[in-house]
C-alpha atoms as a PDB file:
ATOM      1  CA  MET A   1       4.922  -3.533 -11.981  1.00  0.00           C
ATOM      2  CA  ILE A   2       3.292  -5.583 -14.800  1.00  0.00           C
ATOM      3  CA  GLY A   3      -0.033  -5.116 -12.582  1.00  0.00           C
ATOM      4  CA  TRP A   4       0.308  -1.537 -12.796  1.00  0.00           C
ATOM      5  CA  ILE A   5       1.384  -1.489 -16.376  1.00  0.00           C
ATOM      6  CA  LEU A   6      -2.296  -3.490 -17.307  1.00  0.00           C
ATOM      7  CA  THR A   7      -4.323  -1.590 -14.857  1.00  0.00           C
ATOM      8  CA  GLY A   8      -2.981   1.619 -16.669  1.00  0.00           C
ATOM      9  CA  ALA A   9      -3.435  -0.313 -20.171  1.00  0.00           C
ATOM     10  CA  ILE A  10      -7.510  -1.092 -19.093  1.00  0.00           C
ATOM     11  CA  ILE A  11      -8.035   2.215 -17.952  1.00  0.00           C
ATOM     12  CA  ILE A  12      -6.544   3.732 -21.357  1.00  0.00           C
ATOM     13  CA  THR A  13      -8.517   0.874 -23.695  1.00  0.00           C
ATOM     14  CA  TYR A  14     -11.763   1.848 -21.947  1.00  0.00           C
ATOM     15  CA  GLY A  15     -11.133   5.737 -21.566  1.00  0.00           C
ATOM     16  CA  SER A  16     -10.492   5.878 -25.411  1.00  0.00           C
ATOM     17  CA  ASN A  17     -13.516   3.718 -26.425  1.00  0.00           C
ATOM     18  CA  PHE A  18     -15.557   5.902 -23.934  1.00  0.00           C
ATOM     19  CA  LEU A  19     -14.411   9.137 -25.711  1.00  0.00           C
ATOM     20  CA  ALA A  20     -14.816   7.247 -29.150  1.00  0.00           C
ATOM     21  CA  TYR A  21     -18.542   6.775 -28.125  1.00  0.00           C
ATOM     22  CA  ARG A  22     -19.182  10.047 -27.053  1.00  0.00           C
ATOM     23  CA  TYR A  23     -17.556  12.047 -30.302  1.00  0.00           C
ATOM     24  CA  LEU A  24     -19.734   9.472 -32.561  1.00  0.00           C
ATOM     25  CA  LYS A  25     -23.036   9.794 -30.681  1.00  0.00           C
ATOM     26  CA  ASN A  26     -23.322  13.435 -31.530  1.00  0.00           C
ATOM     27  CA  HIS A  27     -21.357  12.968 -34.779  1.00  0.00           C
ATOM     28  CA  ARG A  28     -23.728  12.394 -37.858  1.00  0.00           C
ATOM     29  CA  SER A  29     -22.134   9.654 -39.868  1.00  0.00           C
ATOM     30  CA  ASP A  30     -23.216   6.057 -41.160  1.00  0.00           C
ATOM     31  CA  TRP A  31     -22.592   2.927 -39.437  1.00  0.00           C
ATOM     32  CA  PHE A  32     -19.700   1.483 -41.485  1.00  0.00           C
ATOM     33  CA  GLU A  33     -17.634   4.858 -40.533  1.00  0.00           C
ATOM     34  CA  LYS A  34     -18.532   4.633 -37.232  1.00  0.00           C
ATOM     35  CA  MET A  35     -17.563   0.873 -37.265  1.00  0.00           C
ATOM     36  CA  ALA A  36     -14.097   1.854 -38.883  1.00  0.00           C
ATOM     37  CA  LEU A  37     -13.411   4.644 -36.303  1.00  0.00           C
ATOM     38  CA  TYR A  38     -14.160   1.992 -33.614  1.00  0.00           C
ATOM     39  CA  PHE A  39     -11.975  -0.424 -34.886  1.00  0.00           C
ATOM     40  CA  GLY A  40      -9.263   1.853 -35.449  1.00  0.00           C
ATOM     41  CA  VAL A  41      -8.846   3.520 -32.434  1.00  0.00           C
ATOM     42  CA  ASN A  42      -8.834  -0.051 -30.860  1.00  0.00           C
ATOM     43  CA  MET A  43      -6.057  -1.312 -32.598  1.00  0.00           C
ATOM     44  CA  SER A  44      -4.219   1.637 -32.140  1.00  0.00           C
ATOM     45  CA  VAL A  45      -4.818   1.407 -28.302  1.00  0.00           C
ATOM     46  CA  LEU A  46      -4.360  -2.309 -28.140  1.00  0.00           C
ATOM     47  CA  PHE A  47      -0.938  -2.004 -30.024  1.00  0.00           C
ATOM     48  CA  ALA A  48       0.058   0.895 -27.879  1.00  0.00           C
ATOM     49  CA  ASP A  49      -0.544  -1.461 -24.590  1.00  0.00           C
ATOM     50  CA  GLY A  50       1.151  -4.014 -26.096  1.00  0.00           C
ATOM     51  CA  LEU A  51       4.107  -1.810 -26.647  1.00  0.00           C
ATOM     52  CA  PHE A  52       4.067  -0.718 -23.101  1.00  0.00           C
ATOM     53  CA  LEU A  53       3.542  -4.309 -21.437  1.00  0.00           C
ATOM     54  CA  PHE A  54       6.562  -5.553 -23.501  1.00  0.00           C
ATOM     55  CA  ILE A  55       8.643  -2.529 -22.005  1.00  0.00           C
ATOM     56  CA  ALA A  56       7.370  -3.237 -18.582  1.00  0.00           C
ATOM     57  CA  LYS A  57       8.498  -6.802 -18.913  1.00  0.00           C
ATOM     58  CA  LEU A  58      11.765  -5.903 -20.170  1.00  0.00           C
ATOM     59  CA  VAL A  59      12.300  -3.404 -17.234  1.00  0.00           C
ATOM     60  CA  GLU A  60      11.322  -6.205 -14.848  1.00  0.00           C
ATOM     61  CA  GLU A  61      13.236  -8.655 -16.372  1.00  0.00           C
ATOM     62  CA  GLY A  62      16.283  -6.377 -16.286  1.00  0.00           C
ATOM     63  CA  ILE A  63      15.750  -5.443 -12.575  1.00  0.00           C
ATOM     64  CA  LEU A  64      15.745  -9.480 -11.467  1.00  0.00           C
ATOM     65  CA  LEU A  65      19.356  -9.671 -13.561  1.00  0.00           C
ATOM     66  CA  ILE A  66      20.904  -6.756 -12.072  1.00  0.00           C
ATOM     67  CA  GLU A  67      19.522  -8.244  -8.222  1.00  0.00           C
END
C-alpha cells in the first residue's frame, strides 16, 4: 500500500511541476516571481504528499494490528 501511495505522490509532484513550468513558460514575469511560484508549489505539494504517506502508514499499521 505504501508503494502505491509513494508512486501517486511522485506522479502528483512531477505533474504539478510540469503544470507550473507550462504556466510560467508563457507568462511574463521576472525571475524572482518564477522562483517564488516554483518553491510555493513544491512546498505545498510536498506537504500534501507527506500527509498522504502519514495516513497510509497509519492505515497499514492499523490493518496489521487487526489481523
